[in-house]
N, C-alpha and C. Protein backbone atom coordinates (compact mmCIF):
# COMPACT_ATOMS: atom_id res chain seq x y z
N MET A 1 -83.67 2.66 9.05
CA MET A 1 -82.62 3.43 8.41
C MET A 1 -81.26 2.83 8.71
N ARG A 2 -81.06 2.45 9.98
CA ARG A 2 -79.77 1.91 10.40
C ARG A 2 -79.45 0.59 9.69
N SER A 3 -80.48 -0.28 9.53
CA SER A 3 -80.24 -1.56 8.86
C SER A 3 -79.94 -1.37 7.39
N LYS A 4 -80.55 -0.35 6.74
CA LYS A 4 -80.25 -0.07 5.33
C LYS A 4 -78.81 0.40 5.19
N ARG A 5 -78.38 1.27 6.12
CA ARG A 5 -77.02 1.78 6.09
C ARG A 5 -76.03 0.62 6.30
N ARG A 6 -76.38 -0.27 7.23
CA ARG A 6 -75.52 -1.39 7.52
C ARG A 6 -75.41 -2.33 6.32
N SER A 7 -76.56 -2.62 5.67
CA SER A 7 -76.53 -3.53 4.52
C SER A 7 -75.80 -2.88 3.35
N SER A 8 -75.92 -1.57 3.21
CA SER A 8 -75.19 -0.86 2.16
C SER A 8 -73.68 -0.94 2.41
N LYS A 9 -73.29 -0.73 3.67
CA LYS A 9 -71.87 -0.83 4.02
C LYS A 9 -71.36 -2.25 3.78
N ALA A 10 -72.18 -3.24 4.13
CA ALA A 10 -71.79 -4.63 3.94
C ALA A 10 -71.58 -4.93 2.46
N LYS A 11 -72.45 -4.40 1.59
CA LYS A 11 -72.31 -4.61 0.15
C LYS A 11 -71.04 -3.94 -0.38
N GLN A 12 -70.76 -2.73 0.12
CA GLN A 12 -69.54 -2.04 -0.29
C GLN A 12 -68.31 -2.83 0.13
N LEU A 13 -68.34 -3.35 1.35
CA LEU A 13 -67.22 -4.13 1.86
C LEU A 13 -67.02 -5.39 1.02
N GLN A 14 -68.11 -6.10 0.71
CA GLN A 14 -68.00 -7.31 -0.11
C GLN A 14 -67.45 -6.98 -1.48
N SER A 15 -67.89 -5.89 -2.06
CA SER A 15 -67.40 -5.48 -3.38
C SER A 15 -65.90 -5.21 -3.32
N ARG A 16 -65.46 -4.46 -2.29
CA ARG A 16 -64.04 -4.16 -2.17
C ARG A 16 -63.22 -5.43 -1.91
N GLN A 17 -63.78 -6.35 -1.12
CA GLN A 17 -63.06 -7.60 -0.85
C GLN A 17 -62.88 -8.40 -2.13
N LYS A 18 -63.89 -8.45 -2.98
CA LYS A 18 -63.78 -9.19 -4.24
C LYS A 18 -62.72 -8.58 -5.13
N GLN A 19 -62.63 -7.26 -5.13
CA GLN A 19 -61.62 -6.58 -5.93
C GLN A 19 -60.22 -6.85 -5.39
N GLN A 20 -60.10 -7.02 -4.09
CA GLN A 20 -58.79 -7.15 -3.46
C GLN A 20 -58.27 -8.58 -3.46
N ILE A 21 -59.12 -9.54 -3.70
CA ILE A 21 -58.68 -10.93 -3.64
C ILE A 21 -57.54 -11.19 -4.61
N ALA A 22 -57.63 -10.65 -5.81
CA ALA A 22 -56.56 -10.82 -6.78
C ALA A 22 -55.51 -9.74 -6.52
N CYS A 23 -54.50 -10.09 -5.75
CA CYS A 23 -53.45 -9.14 -5.41
C CYS A 23 -52.45 -9.10 -6.56
N PRO A 24 -52.29 -7.94 -7.18
CA PRO A 24 -51.40 -7.87 -8.35
C PRO A 24 -49.94 -8.07 -7.97
N ARG A 25 -49.20 -8.66 -8.87
CA ARG A 25 -47.76 -8.81 -8.68
C ARG A 25 -47.10 -7.45 -8.92
N PRO A 26 -45.99 -7.19 -8.20
CA PRO A 26 -45.30 -5.91 -8.41
C PRO A 26 -44.92 -5.65 -9.86
N SER A 27 -44.68 -6.72 -10.62
CA SER A 27 -44.29 -6.56 -12.01
C SER A 27 -45.42 -5.97 -12.86
N GLU A 28 -46.65 -6.05 -12.38
CA GLU A 28 -47.78 -5.49 -13.11
C GLU A 28 -47.88 -3.98 -12.92
N GLY A 29 -47.04 -3.40 -12.05
CA GLY A 29 -46.98 -1.97 -11.89
C GLY A 29 -48.07 -1.36 -11.02
N ARG A 30 -48.92 -2.17 -10.43
CA ARG A 30 -49.96 -1.64 -9.56
C ARG A 30 -49.70 -2.11 -8.13
N TYR A 31 -49.97 -1.22 -7.22
CA TYR A 31 -49.84 -1.59 -5.81
C TYR A 31 -51.03 -1.02 -5.07
N ASP A 32 -51.81 -1.89 -4.47
CA ASP A 32 -52.97 -1.46 -3.69
C ASP A 32 -52.71 -1.78 -2.23
N PHE A 33 -52.38 -0.75 -1.46
CA PHE A 33 -52.08 -1.00 -0.05
C PHE A 33 -53.29 -1.55 0.70
N HIS A 34 -54.50 -1.30 0.17
CA HIS A 34 -55.71 -1.83 0.80
C HIS A 34 -55.73 -3.35 0.82
N ALA A 35 -55.00 -3.96 -0.07
CA ALA A 35 -55.00 -5.42 -0.17
C ALA A 35 -53.86 -6.06 0.62
N GLN A 36 -53.03 -5.25 1.27
CA GLN A 36 -51.87 -5.78 1.98
C GLN A 36 -52.27 -6.25 3.38
N VAL A 37 -51.71 -7.37 3.79
CA VAL A 37 -52.09 -8.00 5.05
C VAL A 37 -51.83 -7.08 6.24
N GLY A 38 -50.75 -6.34 6.24
CA GLY A 38 -50.47 -5.44 7.35
C GLY A 38 -51.54 -4.37 7.51
N TYR A 39 -51.96 -3.81 6.39
CA TYR A 39 -53.02 -2.80 6.40
C TYR A 39 -54.32 -3.41 6.92
N LEU A 40 -54.66 -4.60 6.41
CA LEU A 40 -55.90 -5.25 6.82
C LEU A 40 -55.88 -5.61 8.31
N LEU A 41 -54.75 -6.13 8.78
CA LEU A 41 -54.64 -6.47 10.20
C LEU A 41 -54.77 -5.22 11.07
N ARG A 42 -54.16 -4.12 10.63
CA ARG A 42 -54.26 -2.88 11.40
C ARG A 42 -55.71 -2.40 11.46
N ARG A 43 -56.44 -2.51 10.35
CA ARG A 43 -57.84 -2.08 10.33
C ARG A 43 -58.70 -2.97 11.24
N VAL A 44 -58.43 -4.28 11.22
CA VAL A 44 -59.18 -5.19 12.10
C VAL A 44 -58.86 -4.87 13.56
N PHE A 45 -57.58 -4.59 13.84
CA PHE A 45 -57.19 -4.23 15.20
C PHE A 45 -57.89 -2.94 15.64
N GLN A 46 -57.97 -1.96 14.75
CA GLN A 46 -58.67 -0.71 15.08
C GLN A 46 -60.14 -1.00 15.38
N ARG A 47 -60.74 -1.84 14.57
CA ARG A 47 -62.15 -2.21 14.78
C ARG A 47 -62.32 -2.87 16.13
N HIS A 48 -61.46 -3.85 16.43
CA HIS A 48 -61.56 -4.58 17.69
C HIS A 48 -61.36 -3.63 18.89
N THR A 49 -60.38 -2.75 18.79
CA THR A 49 -60.11 -1.82 19.88
C THR A 49 -61.30 -0.90 20.13
N ALA A 50 -61.90 -0.39 19.07
CA ALA A 50 -63.07 0.48 19.22
C ALA A 50 -64.25 -0.28 19.84
N ILE A 51 -64.45 -1.51 19.41
CA ILE A 51 -65.53 -2.33 19.96
C ILE A 51 -65.25 -2.63 21.43
N PHE A 52 -64.01 -2.97 21.74
CA PHE A 52 -63.64 -3.26 23.13
C PHE A 52 -63.93 -2.06 24.02
N GLN A 53 -63.50 -0.89 23.60
CA GLN A 53 -63.70 0.31 24.41
C GLN A 53 -65.19 0.64 24.58
N ARG A 54 -65.97 0.42 23.54
CA ARG A 54 -67.40 0.73 23.60
C ARG A 54 -68.16 -0.28 24.46
N MET A 55 -67.77 -1.56 24.42
CA MET A 55 -68.55 -2.60 25.08
C MET A 55 -68.02 -3.00 26.45
N SER A 56 -66.82 -2.61 26.78
CA SER A 56 -66.21 -3.01 28.06
C SER A 56 -67.03 -2.47 29.23
N ILE A 57 -67.12 -3.26 30.29
CA ILE A 57 -67.85 -2.80 31.48
C ILE A 57 -67.03 -1.79 32.27
N ASP A 58 -65.75 -1.68 31.96
CA ASP A 58 -64.87 -0.72 32.60
C ASP A 58 -64.25 0.16 31.52
N PRO A 59 -64.68 1.39 31.37
CA PRO A 59 -64.20 2.22 30.28
C PRO A 59 -62.70 2.56 30.34
N ARG A 60 -62.08 2.36 31.49
CA ARG A 60 -60.64 2.64 31.61
C ARG A 60 -59.79 1.41 31.30
N LEU A 61 -60.41 0.25 31.15
CA LEU A 61 -59.68 -1.00 30.89
C LEU A 61 -59.40 -1.15 29.41
N THR A 62 -58.14 -1.44 29.06
CA THR A 62 -57.79 -1.71 27.67
C THR A 62 -57.77 -3.21 27.43
N ALA A 63 -57.77 -3.59 26.17
CA ALA A 63 -57.72 -5.02 25.82
C ALA A 63 -56.43 -5.65 26.34
N VAL A 64 -55.31 -4.94 26.24
CA VAL A 64 -54.04 -5.48 26.73
C VAL A 64 -54.08 -5.66 28.24
N GLN A 65 -54.65 -4.69 28.95
CA GLN A 65 -54.76 -4.82 30.40
C GLN A 65 -55.63 -6.01 30.77
N PHE A 66 -56.71 -6.23 30.02
CA PHE A 66 -57.57 -7.38 30.30
C PHE A 66 -56.82 -8.69 30.09
N VAL A 67 -56.04 -8.78 29.03
CA VAL A 67 -55.25 -9.99 28.79
C VAL A 67 -54.28 -10.22 29.95
N VAL A 68 -53.62 -9.17 30.40
CA VAL A 68 -52.68 -9.30 31.52
C VAL A 68 -53.43 -9.76 32.77
N LEU A 69 -54.60 -9.20 33.03
CA LEU A 69 -55.39 -9.66 34.18
C LEU A 69 -55.74 -11.14 34.06
N CYS A 70 -56.08 -11.57 32.84
CA CYS A 70 -56.41 -12.99 32.61
C CYS A 70 -55.19 -13.88 32.85
N VAL A 71 -54.02 -13.44 32.39
CA VAL A 71 -52.78 -14.21 32.62
C VAL A 71 -52.53 -14.33 34.11
N ILE A 72 -52.67 -13.23 34.83
CA ILE A 72 -52.44 -13.26 36.28
C ILE A 72 -53.48 -14.16 36.95
N ALA A 73 -54.72 -14.09 36.52
CA ALA A 73 -55.78 -14.94 37.09
C ALA A 73 -55.46 -16.42 36.90
N GLU A 74 -54.91 -16.78 35.74
CA GLU A 74 -54.59 -18.18 35.45
C GLU A 74 -53.34 -18.68 36.16
N ASN A 75 -52.42 -17.78 36.48
CA ASN A 75 -51.11 -18.19 37.00
C ASN A 75 -50.78 -17.57 38.36
N SER A 76 -51.76 -17.01 39.03
CA SER A 76 -51.52 -16.20 40.22
C SER A 76 -50.95 -17.01 41.38
N PRO A 77 -49.98 -16.48 42.06
CA PRO A 77 -49.17 -15.30 41.72
C PRO A 77 -48.18 -15.65 40.62
N CYS A 78 -47.82 -14.67 39.81
CA CYS A 78 -46.87 -14.94 38.74
C CYS A 78 -45.92 -13.77 38.54
N PHE A 79 -44.73 -14.11 38.06
CA PHE A 79 -43.70 -13.12 37.82
C PHE A 79 -43.94 -12.41 36.50
N LEU A 80 -43.34 -11.25 36.36
CA LEU A 80 -43.53 -10.44 35.15
C LEU A 80 -43.06 -11.17 33.90
N THR A 81 -42.03 -12.01 34.02
CA THR A 81 -41.57 -12.76 32.84
C THR A 81 -42.66 -13.71 32.34
N THR A 82 -43.39 -14.32 33.26
CA THR A 82 -44.49 -15.21 32.87
C THR A 82 -45.59 -14.41 32.18
N ILE A 83 -45.88 -13.23 32.72
CA ILE A 83 -46.91 -12.38 32.11
C ILE A 83 -46.48 -11.97 30.71
N SER A 84 -45.21 -11.56 30.57
CA SER A 84 -44.70 -11.15 29.25
C SER A 84 -44.86 -12.25 28.22
N ARG A 85 -44.41 -13.45 28.58
CA ARG A 85 -44.49 -14.58 27.65
C ARG A 85 -45.93 -14.93 27.31
N SER A 86 -46.75 -15.06 28.33
CA SER A 86 -48.13 -15.50 28.12
C SER A 86 -48.97 -14.48 27.36
N ALA A 87 -48.72 -13.19 27.62
CA ALA A 87 -49.51 -12.14 26.97
C ALA A 87 -48.86 -11.64 25.68
N ALA A 88 -47.69 -12.20 25.33
CA ALA A 88 -46.95 -11.80 24.13
C ALA A 88 -46.64 -10.30 24.14
N LEU A 89 -46.06 -9.86 25.26
CA LEU A 89 -45.67 -8.45 25.42
C LEU A 89 -44.19 -8.37 25.73
N ASP A 90 -43.57 -7.27 25.33
CA ASP A 90 -42.17 -7.08 25.70
C ASP A 90 -42.13 -6.70 27.19
N PRO A 91 -40.98 -6.92 27.85
CA PRO A 91 -40.88 -6.67 29.30
C PRO A 91 -41.23 -5.24 29.72
N ALA A 92 -40.81 -4.25 28.96
CA ALA A 92 -41.10 -2.86 29.34
C ALA A 92 -42.60 -2.57 29.30
N THR A 93 -43.27 -3.06 28.27
CA THR A 93 -44.72 -2.88 28.17
C THR A 93 -45.42 -3.59 29.31
N THR A 94 -44.97 -4.82 29.60
CA THR A 94 -45.56 -5.59 30.69
C THR A 94 -45.45 -4.82 32.00
N ARG A 95 -44.26 -4.29 32.26
CA ARG A 95 -44.05 -3.56 33.51
C ARG A 95 -44.99 -2.35 33.60
N GLY A 96 -45.14 -1.61 32.50
CA GLY A 96 -46.03 -0.46 32.49
C GLY A 96 -47.48 -0.84 32.73
N VAL A 97 -47.93 -1.91 32.08
CA VAL A 97 -49.31 -2.37 32.24
C VAL A 97 -49.55 -2.81 33.68
N VAL A 98 -48.62 -3.60 34.22
CA VAL A 98 -48.75 -4.10 35.59
C VAL A 98 -48.75 -2.93 36.58
N ASP A 99 -47.89 -1.96 36.36
CA ASP A 99 -47.87 -0.79 37.24
C ASP A 99 -49.22 -0.06 37.22
N ARG A 100 -49.79 0.12 36.02
CA ARG A 100 -51.08 0.81 35.92
C ARG A 100 -52.19 0.01 36.60
N LEU A 101 -52.17 -1.31 36.44
CA LEU A 101 -53.18 -2.15 37.10
C LEU A 101 -53.02 -2.09 38.62
N GLY A 102 -51.77 -2.01 39.07
CA GLY A 102 -51.52 -1.87 40.51
C GLY A 102 -52.04 -0.54 41.04
N LYS A 103 -51.80 0.53 40.31
CA LYS A 103 -52.27 1.86 40.72
C LYS A 103 -53.80 1.92 40.76
N ARG A 104 -54.44 1.14 39.90
CA ARG A 104 -55.91 1.11 39.89
C ARG A 104 -56.46 0.21 40.99
N GLY A 105 -55.59 -0.47 41.72
CA GLY A 105 -56.04 -1.32 42.81
C GLY A 105 -56.63 -2.64 42.36
N LEU A 106 -56.19 -3.14 41.20
CA LEU A 106 -56.71 -4.41 40.68
C LEU A 106 -55.80 -5.59 41.00
N ILE A 107 -54.52 -5.31 41.24
CA ILE A 107 -53.55 -6.35 41.55
C ILE A 107 -52.65 -5.88 42.69
N THR A 108 -52.01 -6.85 43.30
CA THR A 108 -50.96 -6.54 44.28
C THR A 108 -49.66 -7.08 43.74
N MET A 109 -48.58 -6.38 44.02
CA MET A 109 -47.26 -6.81 43.56
C MET A 109 -46.39 -7.01 44.79
N THR A 110 -45.69 -8.15 44.79
CA THR A 110 -44.85 -8.51 45.92
C THR A 110 -43.46 -8.87 45.42
N PRO A 111 -42.42 -8.25 45.97
CA PRO A 111 -41.05 -8.64 45.59
C PRO A 111 -40.77 -10.09 46.00
N ASP A 112 -39.99 -10.78 45.19
CA ASP A 112 -39.59 -12.15 45.48
C ASP A 112 -38.69 -12.17 46.72
N ASN A 113 -38.84 -13.18 47.55
CA ASN A 113 -38.02 -13.29 48.77
C ASN A 113 -36.55 -13.55 48.46
N VAL A 114 -36.28 -14.27 47.37
CA VAL A 114 -34.90 -14.62 47.02
C VAL A 114 -34.25 -13.51 46.20
N ASP A 115 -34.93 -13.05 45.18
CA ASP A 115 -34.39 -12.02 44.30
C ASP A 115 -35.32 -10.82 44.34
N ARG A 116 -34.96 -9.80 45.07
CA ARG A 116 -35.81 -8.62 45.28
C ARG A 116 -36.12 -7.87 43.99
N ARG A 117 -35.34 -8.12 42.92
CA ARG A 117 -35.62 -7.46 41.64
C ARG A 117 -36.83 -8.07 40.96
N ARG A 118 -37.13 -9.32 41.28
CA ARG A 118 -38.29 -9.99 40.68
C ARG A 118 -39.55 -9.64 41.45
N VAL A 119 -40.62 -9.41 40.71
CA VAL A 119 -41.89 -9.03 41.32
C VAL A 119 -42.96 -10.02 40.88
N ALA A 120 -43.74 -10.48 41.86
CA ALA A 120 -44.87 -11.36 41.57
C ALA A 120 -46.15 -10.55 41.64
N ALA A 121 -47.03 -10.77 40.67
CA ALA A 121 -48.32 -10.09 40.63
C ALA A 121 -49.43 -11.07 40.96
N GLU A 122 -50.42 -10.56 41.66
CA GLU A 122 -51.56 -11.38 42.06
C GLU A 122 -52.82 -10.53 42.02
N LEU A 123 -53.91 -11.12 41.57
CA LEU A 123 -55.19 -10.39 41.58
C LEU A 123 -55.65 -10.21 43.01
N ASN A 124 -56.17 -9.04 43.31
CA ASN A 124 -56.86 -8.87 44.58
C ASN A 124 -58.35 -9.08 44.32
N GLU A 125 -59.18 -8.88 45.33
CA GLU A 125 -60.62 -9.14 45.17
C GLU A 125 -61.24 -8.26 44.08
N LYS A 126 -60.87 -7.00 44.03
CA LYS A 126 -61.41 -6.09 43.01
C LYS A 126 -61.01 -6.56 41.61
N GLY A 127 -59.77 -6.99 41.44
CA GLY A 127 -59.30 -7.49 40.15
C GLY A 127 -59.98 -8.79 39.76
N ARG A 128 -60.17 -9.67 40.74
CA ARG A 128 -60.84 -10.95 40.48
C ARG A 128 -62.28 -10.72 40.02
N ARG A 129 -62.98 -9.80 40.69
CA ARG A 129 -64.36 -9.49 40.29
C ARG A 129 -64.41 -8.92 38.87
N LEU A 130 -63.46 -8.03 38.56
CA LEU A 130 -63.45 -7.43 37.22
C LEU A 130 -63.23 -8.50 36.15
N VAL A 131 -62.30 -9.41 36.37
CA VAL A 131 -62.06 -10.48 35.39
C VAL A 131 -63.31 -11.34 35.23
N GLU A 132 -63.93 -11.72 36.34
CA GLU A 132 -65.15 -12.55 36.27
C GLU A 132 -66.26 -11.85 35.50
N GLU A 133 -66.41 -10.54 35.71
CA GLU A 133 -67.45 -9.79 35.03
C GLU A 133 -67.10 -9.50 33.57
N MET A 134 -65.81 -9.40 33.28
CA MET A 134 -65.38 -9.08 31.91
C MET A 134 -65.40 -10.28 30.97
N ILE A 135 -65.29 -11.49 31.50
CA ILE A 135 -65.22 -12.67 30.61
C ILE A 135 -66.45 -12.77 29.71
N PRO A 136 -67.69 -12.72 30.24
CA PRO A 136 -68.83 -12.76 29.31
C PRO A 136 -68.86 -11.56 28.37
N CYS A 137 -68.44 -10.41 28.89
CA CYS A 137 -68.37 -9.20 28.07
C CYS A 137 -67.35 -9.39 26.94
N SER A 138 -66.23 -10.00 27.27
CA SER A 138 -65.18 -10.25 26.28
C SER A 138 -65.67 -11.17 25.17
N LEU A 139 -66.47 -12.15 25.53
CA LEU A 139 -67.04 -13.05 24.51
C LEU A 139 -67.97 -12.28 23.57
N ARG A 140 -68.73 -11.34 24.11
CA ARG A 140 -69.60 -10.50 23.27
C ARG A 140 -68.76 -9.58 22.38
N ILE A 141 -67.65 -9.10 22.91
CA ILE A 141 -66.74 -8.26 22.13
C ILE A 141 -66.17 -9.04 20.95
N THR A 142 -65.79 -10.29 21.21
CA THR A 142 -65.29 -11.15 20.13
C THR A 142 -66.37 -11.35 19.07
N GLU A 143 -67.59 -11.62 19.52
CA GLU A 143 -68.71 -11.77 18.58
C GLU A 143 -68.88 -10.51 17.74
N ALA A 144 -68.83 -9.36 18.38
CA ALA A 144 -69.01 -8.09 17.65
C ALA A 144 -67.86 -7.84 16.68
N THR A 145 -66.65 -8.20 17.09
CA THR A 145 -65.49 -8.02 16.21
C THR A 145 -65.64 -8.87 14.95
N MET A 146 -66.19 -10.07 15.10
CA MET A 146 -66.32 -10.96 13.94
C MET A 146 -67.70 -10.90 13.29
N PHE A 147 -68.46 -9.86 13.65
CA PHE A 147 -69.78 -9.67 13.05
C PHE A 147 -69.65 -9.64 11.52
N GLY A 148 -70.54 -10.34 10.88
CA GLY A 148 -70.52 -10.39 9.42
C GLY A 148 -69.87 -11.65 8.88
N LEU A 149 -69.21 -12.40 9.76
CA LEU A 149 -68.59 -13.66 9.34
C LEU A 149 -69.47 -14.82 9.76
N ASN A 150 -69.60 -15.82 8.89
CA ASN A 150 -70.34 -17.01 9.29
C ASN A 150 -69.43 -17.91 10.12
N VAL A 151 -69.96 -19.00 10.62
CA VAL A 151 -69.21 -19.87 11.52
C VAL A 151 -67.94 -20.40 10.86
N ALA A 152 -68.04 -20.82 9.62
CA ALA A 152 -66.86 -21.35 8.92
C ALA A 152 -65.80 -20.27 8.74
N GLU A 153 -66.22 -19.06 8.42
CA GLU A 153 -65.26 -17.96 8.25
C GLU A 153 -64.59 -17.60 9.58
N ARG A 154 -65.34 -17.67 10.67
CA ARG A 154 -64.77 -17.39 12.00
C ARG A 154 -63.71 -18.42 12.35
N VAL A 155 -64.02 -19.68 12.12
CA VAL A 155 -63.06 -20.76 12.39
C VAL A 155 -61.83 -20.58 11.51
N ALA A 156 -62.04 -20.29 10.24
CA ALA A 156 -60.92 -20.10 9.31
C ALA A 156 -60.06 -18.92 9.73
N LEU A 157 -60.69 -17.81 10.12
CA LEU A 157 -59.93 -16.64 10.55
C LEU A 157 -59.06 -16.97 11.76
N GLN A 158 -59.63 -17.59 12.76
CA GLN A 158 -58.86 -17.94 13.95
C GLN A 158 -57.75 -18.94 13.62
N PHE A 159 -58.05 -19.90 12.76
CA PHE A 159 -57.04 -20.87 12.35
C PHE A 159 -55.88 -20.19 11.63
N LEU A 160 -56.19 -19.32 10.67
CA LEU A 160 -55.14 -18.66 9.88
C LEU A 160 -54.32 -17.69 10.73
N LEU A 161 -54.96 -16.93 11.59
CA LEU A 161 -54.21 -16.01 12.46
C LEU A 161 -53.28 -16.81 13.39
N THR A 162 -53.77 -17.90 13.94
CA THR A 162 -52.94 -18.75 14.80
C THR A 162 -51.79 -19.35 14.01
N LYS A 163 -52.05 -19.76 12.79
CA LYS A 163 -51.00 -20.34 11.95
C LYS A 163 -49.90 -19.32 11.66
N ILE A 164 -50.29 -18.08 11.37
CA ILE A 164 -49.30 -17.03 11.13
C ILE A 164 -48.45 -16.81 12.38
N ILE A 165 -49.12 -16.73 13.53
CA ILE A 165 -48.41 -16.50 14.79
C ILE A 165 -47.44 -17.64 15.08
N GLU A 166 -47.88 -18.86 14.86
CA GLU A 166 -47.05 -20.03 15.18
C GLU A 166 -45.99 -20.33 14.13
N SER A 167 -46.01 -19.61 13.00
CA SER A 167 -45.01 -19.87 11.96
C SER A 167 -43.64 -19.35 12.36
N GLY A 168 -43.57 -18.61 13.43
CA GLY A 168 -42.28 -18.16 13.95
C GLY A 168 -42.00 -16.71 13.66
N ASN A 169 -40.99 -16.23 14.32
CA ASN A 169 -40.53 -14.85 14.18
C ASN A 169 -39.70 -14.74 12.91
N PRO A 170 -40.02 -13.81 12.01
CA PRO A 170 -39.25 -13.67 10.77
C PRO A 170 -37.76 -13.45 11.02
N ASP A 171 -37.39 -12.83 12.15
CA ASP A 171 -35.98 -12.63 12.48
C ASP A 171 -35.26 -13.94 12.75
N GLU A 172 -36.02 -14.95 13.12
CA GLU A 172 -35.42 -16.25 13.46
C GLU A 172 -35.29 -17.16 12.25
N ILE A 173 -35.89 -16.80 11.13
CA ILE A 173 -35.84 -17.64 9.95
C ILE A 173 -34.55 -17.34 9.21
N GLU A 174 -33.70 -18.34 9.12
CA GLU A 174 -32.36 -18.15 8.55
C GLU A 174 -32.37 -18.05 7.03
N ASP A 175 -33.27 -18.73 6.39
CA ASP A 175 -33.30 -18.77 4.93
C ASP A 175 -34.15 -17.62 4.40
N ALA A 176 -33.50 -16.50 4.05
CA ALA A 176 -34.21 -15.32 3.57
C ALA A 176 -34.93 -15.60 2.26
N SER A 177 -34.52 -16.64 1.54
CA SER A 177 -35.19 -16.94 0.27
C SER A 177 -36.64 -17.34 0.48
N LEU A 178 -37.00 -17.72 1.71
CA LEU A 178 -38.40 -18.03 1.99
C LEU A 178 -39.28 -16.81 1.77
N PHE A 179 -38.69 -15.61 1.87
CA PHE A 179 -39.45 -14.39 1.72
C PHE A 179 -39.22 -13.75 0.34
N ASP A 180 -38.58 -14.48 -0.56
CA ASP A 180 -38.33 -13.97 -1.90
C ASP A 180 -39.43 -14.52 -2.81
N PHE A 181 -40.41 -13.67 -3.13
CA PHE A 181 -41.56 -14.12 -3.89
C PHE A 181 -41.47 -13.79 -5.36
N LYS A 182 -40.27 -13.45 -5.85
CA LYS A 182 -40.11 -13.16 -7.28
C LYS A 182 -40.31 -14.46 -8.05
N ARG A 183 -41.02 -14.34 -9.15
CA ARG A 183 -41.27 -15.56 -9.94
C ARG A 183 -40.99 -15.31 -11.38
């Protein structure tokens, strides 16, 4: 029963994707928010978040917290500015995440000897074990998130998402005409 439901959902999804590929121009008077990249990215993010929460070995760990733990593991000890940059988080969010990880006993935070306002974070043994145990789990989460895509589609998705990210911050692009799609 479950496989029939899954194949039926997959067929519905493929049908909707085929309909959405041709995104109408605003001049045609139709607007389908289902076909907009922001909507699609939000839906994929919701899917990934739900999968992460269901499959994580630690039900209290969020995907963002795991990324921060990974950044700390790679750069330990590291300052909050390094964590912010590496995890692509704003400073206030970084501070909140680090504080929560500290309260859970996964990291230790030490003020800098020169500038007491700066704080360095380091994994403790409990945090190191969690990262080691979560890495294989995280790979399975990625597989589950991309379920339904073949190898070429997975590579293309990662390539395109990376390309969008690396294209720069829209606020930094001086030529607004780049975003003028009127034809």
